[in-house]
Protein backbone atom coordinates (compact mmCIF):
# COMPACT_ATOMS: atom_id res chain seq x y z
CA MET A 1 3.15 -4.77 -27.12
CA SER A 2 6.25 -3.78 -25.17
CA ALA A 3 6.16 -2.19 -21.76
CA LYS A 4 6.45 1.57 -21.46
CA GLN A 5 8.24 2.83 -18.37
CA VAL A 6 6.07 5.45 -16.64
CA LEU A 7 8.32 6.03 -13.61
CA ASP A 8 11.97 5.03 -13.30
CA GLY A 9 13.57 3.79 -10.09
CA PRO A 10 14.63 7.20 -8.67
CA ALA A 11 11.20 8.73 -9.43
CA LEU A 12 9.44 5.76 -7.82
CA LEU A 13 11.62 6.04 -4.71
CA GLN A 14 10.85 9.76 -4.54
CA LYS A 15 7.09 8.97 -4.57
CA ILE A 16 7.57 6.44 -1.75
CA ARG A 17 9.55 8.98 0.29
CA ARG A 18 6.83 11.62 -0.25
CA ILE A 19 4.12 9.18 0.91
CA SER A 20 6.26 8.46 3.99
CA PHE A 21 6.47 12.17 4.82
CA GLN A 22 2.69 12.53 4.40
CA ILE A 23 2.12 9.57 6.72
CA PHE A 24 4.44 11.14 9.30
CA GLU A 25 2.74 14.55 9.00
CA ASN A 26 -0.72 13.01 9.53
CA ASN A 27 0.40 10.79 12.42
CA PHE A 28 3.21 12.76 14.10
CA GLU A 29 1.70 12.35 17.57
CA GLU A 30 1.81 8.55 17.40
CA LYS A 31 4.52 6.47 19.05
CA GLU A 32 3.93 3.47 16.78
CA ILE A 33 2.08 2.89 13.52
CA ILE A 34 1.38 -0.22 11.47
CA ILE A 35 1.97 -0.28 7.72
CA ALA A 36 0.09 -3.33 6.43
CA GLY A 37 1.06 -4.31 2.90
CA ILE A 38 -0.80 -6.69 0.63
CA VAL A 39 1.60 -9.56 -0.09
CA GLY A 40 3.68 -8.97 -3.20
CA GLN A 41 4.73 -5.47 -4.18
CA GLY A 42 2.34 -4.05 -1.56
CA PHE A 43 4.34 -5.64 1.26
CA ALA A 44 7.61 -4.47 -0.32
CA LEU A 45 6.10 -0.97 -0.35
CA ALA A 46 5.10 -1.31 3.32
CA GLU A 47 8.65 -2.25 4.28
CA MET A 48 10.10 0.73 2.40
CA ILE A 49 7.60 3.16 3.94
CA CYS A 50 8.44 1.84 7.42
CA GLN A 51 12.13 2.38 6.76
CA HIS A 52 11.56 5.96 5.58
CA VAL A 53 9.19 6.85 8.45
CA GLN A 54 11.78 5.63 10.96
CA GLU A 55 14.52 7.64 9.20
CA ILE A 56 12.56 10.92 9.28
CA SER A 57 10.82 10.62 12.68
CA THR A 58 10.82 8.99 16.09
CA ILE A 59 7.74 6.93 15.20
CA LYS A 60 8.21 3.17 15.35
CA ALA A 61 6.75 1.78 12.13
CA LYS A 62 6.03 -1.94 11.79
CA ALA A 63 5.40 -3.68 8.47
CA VAL A 64 2.68 -6.34 8.51
CA ALA A 65 1.89 -8.69 5.62
CA ILE A 66 -1.70 -9.15 4.46
CA GLN A 67 -2.18 -12.43 2.63
CA LEU A 68 -5.15 -12.91 0.30
CA ASN A 69 -5.88 -14.33 -3.11
CA LYS A 70 -6.15 -11.26 -5.36
CA ASP A 71 -7.92 -13.18 -8.12
CA VAL A 72 -10.69 -14.66 -5.95
CA PRO A 73 -10.44 -12.87 -2.56
CA TYR A 74 -13.86 -14.12 -1.42
CA GLU A 75 -12.83 -17.80 -1.53
CA SER A 76 -10.33 -17.79 1.33
CA PRO A 77 -9.92 -15.74 4.51
CA VAL A 78 -7.54 -12.79 4.73
CA GLN A 79 -4.51 -13.70 6.85
CA PHE A 80 -1.85 -11.67 8.63
CA ASP A 81 1.73 -12.54 9.55
CA VAL A 82 1.26 -11.23 13.13
CA ASP A 83 -1.08 -11.70 16.06
CA LEU A 84 -4.00 -9.32 15.49
CA ALA A 85 -3.71 -8.07 19.08
CA ILE A 86 -0.70 -5.93 18.09
CA LEU A 87 -2.95 -3.95 15.74
CA GLU A 88 -5.35 -2.89 18.49
CA ASN A 89 -5.52 0.84 19.25
CA LYS A 90 -2.92 1.63 16.59
CA VAL A 91 -3.01 3.69 13.44
CA VAL A 92 -3.03 1.19 10.56
CA ILE A 93 -2.23 2.17 6.99
CA VAL A 94 -3.02 -0.52 4.42
CA VAL A 95 -0.87 -0.19 1.30
CA ASP A 96 -0.65 -1.80 -2.12
CA ASP A 97 1.13 -1.02 -5.36
CA VAL A 98 -1.88 -0.27 -7.62
CA LEU A 99 -5.44 0.80 -6.84
CA ASN A 100 -7.67 -0.10 -9.77
CA THR A 101 -11.22 -1.27 -9.01
CA GLY A 102 -10.81 -1.30 -5.22
CA ARG A 103 -11.78 -4.98 -4.92
CA THR A 104 -8.49 -6.18 -3.37
CA PHE A 105 -8.49 -3.29 -0.90
CA SER A 106 -12.14 -3.94 0.05
CA TYR A 107 -11.38 -7.52 1.03
CA SER A 108 -8.09 -6.66 2.74
CA LEU A 109 -9.73 -3.93 4.84
CA ALA A 110 -12.65 -6.10 6.01
CA PRO A 111 -10.80 -7.84 8.91
CA PHE A 112 -9.93 -4.44 10.42
CA LEU A 113 -13.63 -3.79 11.01
CA SER A 114 -13.57 -6.32 13.86
CA ILE A 115 -10.36 -4.97 15.43
CA PRO A 116 -10.46 -1.80 17.56
CA VAL A 117 -7.93 0.23 15.56
CA LYS A 118 -7.34 3.91 16.28
CA LYS A 119 -7.41 4.97 12.63
CA LEU A 120 -7.49 3.06 9.34
CA GLN A 121 -6.03 4.62 6.19
CA VAL A 122 -5.17 3.53 2.64
CA GLY A 123 -2.00 4.21 0.68
CA VAL A 124 -1.20 3.35 -2.91
CA LEU A 125 1.67 3.97 -5.29
CA VAL A 126 -0.41 4.16 -8.47
CA ASP A 127 -4.09 5.13 -8.58
CA ARG A 128 -5.86 4.18 -11.84
CA ASN A 129 -9.33 5.54 -10.93
CA TYR A 130 -11.52 2.66 -12.15
CA ARG A 131 -13.53 2.14 -8.95
CA LYS A 132 -16.10 -0.61 -8.66
CA PHE A 133 -15.81 -0.61 -4.85
CA PRO A 134 -16.03 2.45 -2.55
CA ILE A 135 -12.33 2.81 -1.79
CA ALA A 136 -10.46 6.11 -1.71
CA ALA A 137 -6.74 6.36 -0.99
CA ASP A 138 -5.48 8.74 1.70
CA TYR A 139 -1.96 8.61 0.26
CA ILE A 140 -1.31 8.45 -3.50
CA GLY A 141 2.10 8.36 -5.11
CA TYR A 142 1.02 8.79 -8.73
CA GLU A 143 -2.30 9.05 -10.55
CA LEU A 144 -2.31 7.39 -13.95
CA SER A 145 -5.04 7.54 -16.57
CA THR A 146 -5.11 4.34 -18.58
CA THR A 147 -7.48 2.35 -20.71
CA LEU A 148 -9.20 -0.67 -19.16
CA SER A 149 -7.16 -3.01 -21.36
CA GLU A 150 -3.81 -1.63 -20.17
CA HIS A 151 -1.97 -3.26 -17.29
CA VAL A 152 0.12 -1.34 -14.74
CA GLU A 153 3.09 -3.19 -13.26
CA VAL A 154 5.00 -1.85 -10.27
CA ILE A 155 8.39 -3.34 -9.45
CA ILE A 156 9.80 -2.33 -6.09
CA SER A 157 11.68 -5.38 -4.85
CA ASP A 158 14.09 -5.70 -7.83
CA PRO A 159 16.60 -2.79 -7.84
CA GLN A 160 17.59 -3.54 -11.46
CA LYS A 161 14.02 -3.18 -12.81
CA CYS A 162 12.58 -0.81 -10.16
CA GLY A 163 9.85 1.37 -11.65
CA VAL A 164 6.28 1.60 -12.91
CA TYR A 165 5.50 0.07 -16.31
CA LEU A 166 2.46 0.24 -18.57
CA HIS A 167 1.70 -2.84 -20.70
């Protein structure tokens, strides 16, 4: 079965820009926010959101990488590419490309429970609505109804193939 393009590059970028505006509107009083992306397309999304937030506001936005094994997240600890002290008393928005069952988000959010953050939010480009874990996104780029057997692929980091695809 061939991939069907659901969102092309310009439409995907428009969704990312809209999420960035929503983040700014909900956090306009902050001097600095942290956008923590799950390594892969989630971190690419975090970097793009940071860029947009800094273009449209005076907020300093820092991208942080969250490293975990998406297939078996319970087998190894979640790691960050920064010292956790920089996250303290900050607004942290954890982002990923697709929210499906909520399992990856559940594991990636767990370390923040032991850090005194000011506010913890979730952002996602594509929400598939097949929750098995109690995760709700504060920022959603696109809601997509699919069957369980379909696979959603988001490509952000490759300008030639940028878009959302359904396999």
